[in-house]
Amino acid sequence: MKKYCIPLKLVKWTANFLSDQEAAIYLDSTQGEMKPVKNGILQKSPISPILSFFYSASLLDIFETPTNFIEIPENYACNHPTHISILIYVDDGKLTVFSHSLDTNNYVLAKTNQLVD
């Protein structure tokens, strides 16, 4: 949030909002033990979609500039893969690349996945 010049007061409020959170898993209407949540954003809060943006913003920044940051071997480069694009909606994301070869697409997406893990 600091990177996007959000006032310190709001950064501190957000840190407080996200601290000391717990969650439990429900299975067949039975609640499991409450456990601390170490990262992530609470669901069902009006602020969650906004915080979700900040949570995934650094990942979006990687793909902001249309540049190929993966070195593609010659045997794949001849299939002319497109730039990798990303689409994120709240906590779901999709990486996309197009080429003339399924093998090339798989190679590029696998290498991209290694970079963002």
N, C-alpha and C. Protein backbone atom coordinates (compact mmCIF):
# COMPACT_ATOMS: atom_id res chain seq x y z
N MET A 1 0.82 -1.19 0.00
CA MET A 1 0.00 0.00 0.00
C MET A 1 0.87 1.26 0.00
N LYS A 2 2.02 1.15 0.67
CA LYS A 2 2.94 2.30 0.69
C LYS A 2 3.42 2.61 -0.72
N LYS A 3 3.65 1.56 -1.51
CA LYS A 3 4.10 1.74 -2.89
C LYS A 3 3.11 2.59 -3.70
N TYR A 4 1.83 2.49 -3.36
CA TYR A 4 0.79 3.22 -4.08
C TYR A 4 0.40 4.51 -3.36
N CYS A 5 1.26 4.95 -2.46
CA CYS A 5 1.11 6.24 -1.76
C CYS A 5 -0.18 6.32 -0.94
N ILE A 6 -0.59 5.20 -0.38
CA ILE A 6 -1.74 5.20 0.51
C ILE A 6 -1.28 5.81 1.83
N PRO A 7 -2.05 6.73 2.40
CA PRO A 7 -1.62 7.39 3.64
C PRO A 7 -1.31 6.38 4.75
N LEU A 8 -0.28 6.70 5.54
CA LEU A 8 0.17 5.82 6.61
C LEU A 8 -0.96 5.45 7.57
N LYS A 9 -1.85 6.37 7.80
CA LYS A 9 -2.98 6.12 8.70
C LYS A 9 -3.82 4.93 8.18
N LEU A 10 -4.05 4.88 6.88
CA LEU A 10 -4.82 3.78 6.30
C LEU A 10 -4.02 2.48 6.25
N VAL A 11 -2.71 2.59 6.04
CA VAL A 11 -1.86 1.40 6.07
C VAL A 11 -1.90 0.77 7.46
N LYS A 12 -1.79 1.60 8.49
CA LYS A 12 -1.84 1.09 9.87
C LYS A 12 -3.22 0.51 10.18
N TRP A 13 -4.28 1.17 9.73
CA TRP A 13 -5.63 0.65 9.96
C TRP A 13 -5.78 -0.73 9.32
N THR A 14 -5.26 -0.87 8.10
CA THR A 14 -5.34 -2.15 7.38
C THR A 14 -4.56 -3.23 8.11
N ALA A 15 -3.36 -2.89 8.58
CA ALA A 15 -2.55 -3.86 9.32
C ALA A 15 -3.29 -4.33 10.57
N ASN A 16 -3.92 -3.42 11.25
CA ASN A 16 -4.70 -3.76 12.43
C ASN A 16 -5.91 -4.62 12.06
N PHE A 17 -6.57 -4.26 10.98
CA PHE A 17 -7.75 -4.99 10.51
C PHE A 17 -7.40 -6.45 10.18
N LEU A 18 -6.22 -6.66 9.60
CA LEU A 18 -5.82 -8.00 9.17
C LEU A 18 -5.08 -8.80 10.25
N SER A 19 -4.78 -8.17 11.37
CA SER A 19 -4.03 -8.89 12.40
C SER A 19 -4.97 -9.67 13.33
N ASP A 20 -4.41 -10.67 13.95
CA ASP A 20 -5.13 -11.49 14.93
C ASP A 20 -6.43 -12.09 14.39
N GLN A 21 -6.39 -12.51 13.14
CA GLN A 21 -7.57 -13.16 12.54
C GLN A 21 -7.47 -14.67 12.72
N GLU A 22 -8.62 -15.31 12.87
CA GLU A 22 -8.68 -16.76 12.97
C GLU A 22 -9.75 -17.28 12.03
N ALA A 23 -9.60 -18.54 11.66
CA ALA A 23 -10.59 -19.18 10.80
C ALA A 23 -10.70 -20.65 11.17
N ALA A 24 -11.83 -21.23 10.82
CA ALA A 24 -12.05 -22.66 11.06
C ALA A 24 -12.69 -23.26 9.82
N ILE A 25 -12.49 -24.54 9.66
CA ILE A 25 -13.11 -25.27 8.55
C ILE A 25 -14.37 -25.93 9.07
N TYR A 26 -15.44 -25.80 8.29
CA TYR A 26 -16.70 -26.48 8.61
C TYR A 26 -16.83 -27.68 7.69
N LEU A 27 -17.14 -28.84 8.27
CA LEU A 27 -17.34 -30.06 7.50
C LEU A 27 -18.57 -30.76 8.05
N ASP A 28 -19.57 -30.93 7.20
CA ASP A 28 -20.83 -31.55 7.62
C ASP A 28 -21.41 -30.83 8.84
N SER A 29 -21.45 -29.52 8.79
CA SER A 29 -22.00 -28.67 9.85
C SER A 29 -21.23 -28.74 11.17
N THR A 30 -20.04 -29.30 11.15
CA THR A 30 -19.22 -29.36 12.35
C THR A 30 -18.03 -28.43 12.18
N GLN A 31 -17.86 -27.53 13.13
CA GLN A 31 -16.77 -26.57 13.06
C GLN A 31 -15.50 -27.18 13.61
N GLY A 32 -14.42 -27.02 12.84
CA GLY A 32 -13.11 -27.46 13.31
C GLY A 32 -12.51 -26.44 14.25
N GLU A 33 -11.31 -26.71 14.68
CA GLU A 33 -10.60 -25.83 15.61
C GLU A 33 -10.24 -24.51 14.93
N MET A 34 -10.41 -23.42 15.66
CA MET A 34 -10.01 -22.10 15.14
C MET A 34 -8.49 -22.04 15.09
N LYS A 35 -7.97 -21.54 13.97
CA LYS A 35 -6.52 -21.43 13.79
C LYS A 35 -6.20 -20.04 13.25
N PRO A 36 -5.00 -19.54 13.56
CA PRO A 36 -4.63 -18.20 13.07
C PRO A 36 -4.51 -18.17 11.54
N VAL A 37 -4.90 -17.05 10.98
CA VAL A 37 -4.75 -16.81 9.54
C VAL A 37 -3.52 -15.92 9.39
N LYS A 38 -2.50 -16.43 8.70
CA LYS A 38 -1.23 -15.70 8.62
C LYS A 38 -1.14 -14.78 7.41
N ASN A 39 -1.92 -15.04 6.38
CA ASN A 39 -1.96 -14.12 5.25
C ASN A 39 -3.31 -14.26 4.56
N GLY A 40 -3.57 -13.35 3.67
CA GLY A 40 -4.85 -13.39 2.97
C GLY A 40 -5.77 -12.29 3.48
N ILE A 41 -6.92 -12.24 2.87
CA ILE A 41 -7.89 -11.19 3.16
C ILE A 41 -9.21 -11.83 3.53
N LEU A 42 -9.82 -11.28 4.54
CA LEU A 42 -11.10 -11.81 5.00
C LEU A 42 -12.17 -11.70 3.92
N GLN A 43 -13.03 -12.67 3.86
CA GLN A 43 -14.15 -12.60 2.93
C GLN A 43 -15.34 -11.94 3.62
N LYS A 44 -16.26 -11.48 2.83
CA LYS A 44 -17.53 -10.90 3.29
C LYS A 44 -17.37 -9.56 4.01
N SER A 45 -16.26 -8.91 3.81
CA SER A 45 -16.09 -7.57 4.35
C SER A 45 -16.15 -6.60 3.18
N PRO A 46 -16.78 -5.46 3.35
CA PRO A 46 -16.85 -4.48 2.24
C PRO A 46 -15.47 -4.00 1.78
N ILE A 47 -14.49 -4.07 2.66
CA ILE A 47 -13.15 -3.60 2.30
C ILE A 47 -12.35 -4.67 1.55
N SER A 48 -12.79 -5.91 1.58
CA SER A 48 -12.03 -7.02 0.99
C SER A 48 -11.69 -6.85 -0.49
N PRO A 49 -12.63 -6.43 -1.36
CA PRO A 49 -12.24 -6.26 -2.78
C PRO A 49 -11.14 -5.22 -2.98
N ILE A 50 -11.15 -4.18 -2.17
CA ILE A 50 -10.12 -3.15 -2.28
C ILE A 50 -8.77 -3.70 -1.82
N LEU A 51 -8.78 -4.40 -0.69
CA LEU A 51 -7.54 -4.99 -0.19
C LEU A 51 -7.02 -6.06 -1.13
N SER A 52 -7.92 -6.76 -1.78
CA SER A 52 -7.54 -7.79 -2.73
C SER A 52 -6.70 -7.19 -3.86
N PHE A 53 -7.07 -6.00 -4.29
CA PHE A 53 -6.29 -5.32 -5.32
C PHE A 53 -4.85 -5.12 -4.87
N PHE A 54 -4.66 -4.60 -3.67
CA PHE A 54 -3.32 -4.35 -3.17
C PHE A 54 -2.55 -5.65 -2.97
N TYR A 55 -3.24 -6.69 -2.57
CA TYR A 55 -2.61 -7.99 -2.33
C TYR A 55 -2.02 -8.56 -3.62
N SER A 56 -2.74 -8.38 -4.72
CA SER A 56 -2.28 -8.95 -5.99
C SER A 56 -1.59 -7.94 -6.91
N ALA A 57 -1.49 -6.70 -6.50
CA ALA A 57 -0.93 -5.64 -7.36
C ALA A 57 0.50 -5.92 -7.79
N SER A 58 1.32 -6.45 -6.90
CA SER A 58 2.72 -6.69 -7.29
C SER A 58 2.81 -7.76 -8.37
N LEU A 59 1.91 -8.72 -8.35
CA LEU A 59 1.87 -9.72 -9.41
C LEU A 59 1.44 -9.07 -10.73
N LEU A 60 0.47 -8.21 -10.67
CA LEU A 60 0.03 -7.50 -11.88
C LEU A 60 1.14 -6.63 -12.45
N ASP A 61 1.95 -6.04 -11.57
CA ASP A 61 3.06 -5.19 -12.02
C ASP A 61 4.05 -5.97 -12.89
N ILE A 62 4.25 -7.24 -12.60
CA ILE A 62 5.17 -8.06 -13.39
C ILE A 62 4.74 -8.08 -14.85
N PHE A 63 3.43 -8.13 -15.07
CA PHE A 63 2.90 -8.28 -16.43
C PHE A 63 2.46 -6.97 -17.06
N GLU A 64 2.67 -5.85 -16.36
CA GLU A 64 2.22 -4.55 -16.85
C GLU A 64 2.90 -4.16 -18.16
N THR A 65 4.19 -4.36 -18.22
CA THR A 65 4.95 -4.01 -19.41
C THR A 65 4.98 -5.20 -20.36
N PRO A 66 4.56 -5.00 -21.61
CA PRO A 66 4.56 -6.14 -22.54
C PRO A 66 5.97 -6.52 -22.95
N THR A 67 6.61 -7.26 -22.11
CA THR A 67 7.98 -7.69 -22.39
C THR A 67 8.09 -9.18 -22.15
N ASN A 68 8.89 -9.83 -22.90
CA ASN A 68 9.13 -11.25 -22.67
C ASN A 68 10.29 -11.37 -21.70
N PHE A 69 9.99 -11.70 -20.45
CA PHE A 69 11.02 -11.82 -19.45
C PHE A 69 11.46 -13.26 -19.27
N ILE A 70 10.97 -14.16 -20.12
CA ILE A 70 11.38 -15.55 -20.09
C ILE A 70 12.20 -15.82 -21.34
N GLU A 71 13.37 -16.39 -21.14
CA GLU A 71 14.19 -16.76 -22.29
C GLU A 71 13.61 -18.03 -22.90
N ILE A 72 13.26 -17.95 -24.17
CA ILE A 72 12.60 -19.07 -24.84
C ILE A 72 13.61 -19.75 -25.77
N PRO A 73 13.84 -21.05 -25.56
CA PRO A 73 14.77 -21.78 -26.44
C PRO A 73 14.32 -21.73 -27.90
N GLU A 74 15.27 -21.83 -28.79
CA GLU A 74 15.00 -21.72 -30.23
C GLU A 74 13.91 -22.68 -30.70
N ASN A 75 13.91 -23.91 -30.19
CA ASN A 75 12.89 -24.87 -30.64
C ASN A 75 11.48 -24.45 -30.26
N TYR A 76 11.32 -23.57 -29.26
CA TYR A 76 10.00 -23.04 -28.92
C TYR A 76 9.76 -21.67 -29.56
N ALA A 77 10.82 -20.88 -29.69
CA ALA A 77 10.69 -19.52 -30.22
C ALA A 77 10.15 -19.51 -31.65
N CYS A 78 10.45 -20.55 -32.40
CA CYS A 78 9.99 -20.59 -33.79
C CYS A 78 8.46 -20.68 -33.89
N ASN A 79 7.80 -20.97 -32.79
CA ASN A 79 6.33 -21.03 -32.78
C ASN A 79 5.69 -19.67 -32.45
N HIS A 80 6.53 -18.65 -32.28
CA HIS A 80 6.08 -17.27 -32.08
C HIS A 80 5.09 -17.11 -30.93
N PRO A 81 5.51 -17.43 -29.70
CA PRO A 81 4.58 -17.22 -28.58
C PRO A 81 4.31 -15.74 -28.37
N THR A 82 3.09 -15.43 -27.98
CA THR A 82 2.72 -14.05 -27.70
C THR A 82 3.25 -13.66 -26.32
N HIS A 83 3.07 -12.42 -25.98
CA HIS A 83 3.40 -11.98 -24.62
C HIS A 83 2.44 -12.66 -23.66
N ILE A 84 2.89 -12.87 -22.47
CA ILE A 84 2.07 -13.50 -21.45
C ILE A 84 1.17 -12.43 -20.86
N SER A 85 -0.10 -12.75 -20.71
CA SER A 85 -1.01 -11.81 -20.07
C SER A 85 -1.63 -12.45 -18.84
N ILE A 86 -2.08 -11.61 -17.94
CA ILE A 86 -2.68 -12.11 -16.71
C ILE A 86 -4.01 -11.39 -16.49
N LEU A 87 -4.97 -12.14 -15.98
CA LEU A 87 -6.27 -11.59 -15.62
C LEU A 87 -6.54 -12.04 -14.20
N ILE A 88 -6.81 -11.09 -13.31
CA ILE A 88 -7.09 -11.42 -11.91
C ILE A 88 -8.42 -10.79 -11.53
N TYR A 89 -9.25 -11.59 -10.89
CA TYR A 89 -10.49 -11.09 -10.30
C TYR A 89 -10.54 -11.58 -8.86
N VAL A 90 -10.42 -10.68 -7.92
CA VAL A 90 -10.37 -10.95 -6.49
C VAL A 90 -9.29 -11.99 -6.20
N ASP A 91 -9.64 -13.26 -5.99
CA ASP A 91 -8.60 -14.24 -5.66
C ASP A 91 -8.45 -15.32 -6.73
N ASP A 92 -8.96 -15.06 -7.91
CA ASP A 92 -8.80 -15.98 -9.04
C ASP A 92 -7.94 -15.32 -10.10
N GLY A 93 -7.06 -16.09 -10.70
CA GLY A 93 -6.20 -15.53 -11.73
C GLY A 93 -5.99 -16.49 -12.88
N LYS A 94 -5.63 -15.92 -14.02
CA LYS A 94 -5.41 -16.73 -15.23
C LYS A 94 -4.25 -16.13 -16.01
N LEU A 95 -3.27 -16.98 -16.34
CA LEU A 95 -2.18 -16.59 -17.24
C LEU A 95 -2.51 -17.10 -18.63
N THR A 96 -2.20 -16.29 -19.64
CA THR A 96 -2.52 -16.67 -21.02
C THR A 96 -1.33 -16.41 -21.93
N VAL A 97 -1.09 -17.35 -22.84
CA VAL A 97 -0.11 -17.16 -23.90
C VAL A 97 -0.63 -17.93 -25.11
N PHE A 98 -0.35 -17.43 -26.29
CA PHE A 98 -0.77 -18.09 -27.52
C PHE A 98 0.44 -18.35 -28.40
N SER A 99 0.43 -19.48 -29.09
CA SER A 99 1.45 -19.77 -30.09
C SER A 99 0.88 -20.83 -31.04
N HIS A 100 1.73 -21.28 -31.94
CA HIS A 100 1.31 -22.32 -32.89
C HIS A 100 1.49 -23.72 -32.33
N SER A 101 1.88 -23.82 -31.06
CA SER A 101 2.21 -25.13 -30.50
C SER A 101 1.77 -25.23 -29.04
N LEU A 102 1.09 -26.30 -28.72
CA LEU A 102 0.69 -26.58 -27.34
C LEU A 102 1.93 -26.76 -26.45
N ASP A 103 2.95 -27.42 -26.96
CA ASP A 103 4.19 -27.61 -26.20
C ASP A 103 4.83 -26.27 -25.85
N THR A 104 4.84 -25.35 -26.79
CA THR A 104 5.40 -24.02 -26.54
C THR A 104 4.59 -23.31 -25.46
N ASN A 105 3.27 -23.35 -25.58
CA ASN A 105 2.41 -22.71 -24.57
C ASN A 105 2.68 -23.29 -23.18
N ASN A 106 2.76 -24.62 -23.10
CA ASN A 106 3.02 -25.26 -21.81
C ASN A 106 4.37 -24.85 -21.25
N TYR A 107 5.38 -24.78 -22.10
CA TYR A 107 6.72 -24.39 -21.66
C TYR A 107 6.70 -22.96 -21.10
N VAL A 108 6.12 -22.04 -21.84
CA VAL A 108 6.10 -20.63 -21.43
C VAL A 108 5.32 -20.47 -20.13
N LEU A 109 4.17 -21.10 -20.00
CA LEU A 109 3.37 -20.97 -18.78
C LEU A 109 4.06 -21.62 -17.59
N ALA A 110 4.73 -22.75 -17.81
CA ALA A 110 5.45 -23.39 -16.71
C ALA A 110 6.59 -22.50 -16.22
N LYS A 111 7.32 -21.89 -17.13
CA LYS A 111 8.42 -21.00 -16.75
C LYS A 111 7.89 -19.75 -16.03
N THR A 112 6.77 -19.23 -16.50
CA THR A 112 6.15 -18.08 -15.86
C THR A 112 5.72 -18.44 -14.45
N ASN A 113 5.12 -19.59 -14.31
CA ASN A 113 4.65 -20.04 -12.99
C ASN A 113 5.83 -20.13 -12.01
N GLN A 114 6.98 -20.58 -12.48
CA GLN A 114 8.16 -20.67 -11.62
C GLN A 114 8.60 -19.29 -11.15
N LEU A 115 8.44 -18.28 -11.99
CA LEU A 115 8.85 -16.92 -11.64
C LEU A 115 7.94 -16.29 -10.60
N VAL A 116 6.66 -16.59 -10.66
CA VAL A 116 5.70 -15.91 -9.76
C VAL A 116 5.39 -16.70 -8.50
N ASP A 117 5.90 -17.91 -8.39
CA ASP A 117 5.66 -18.70 -7.15
C ASP A 117 6.39 -18.13 -5.98
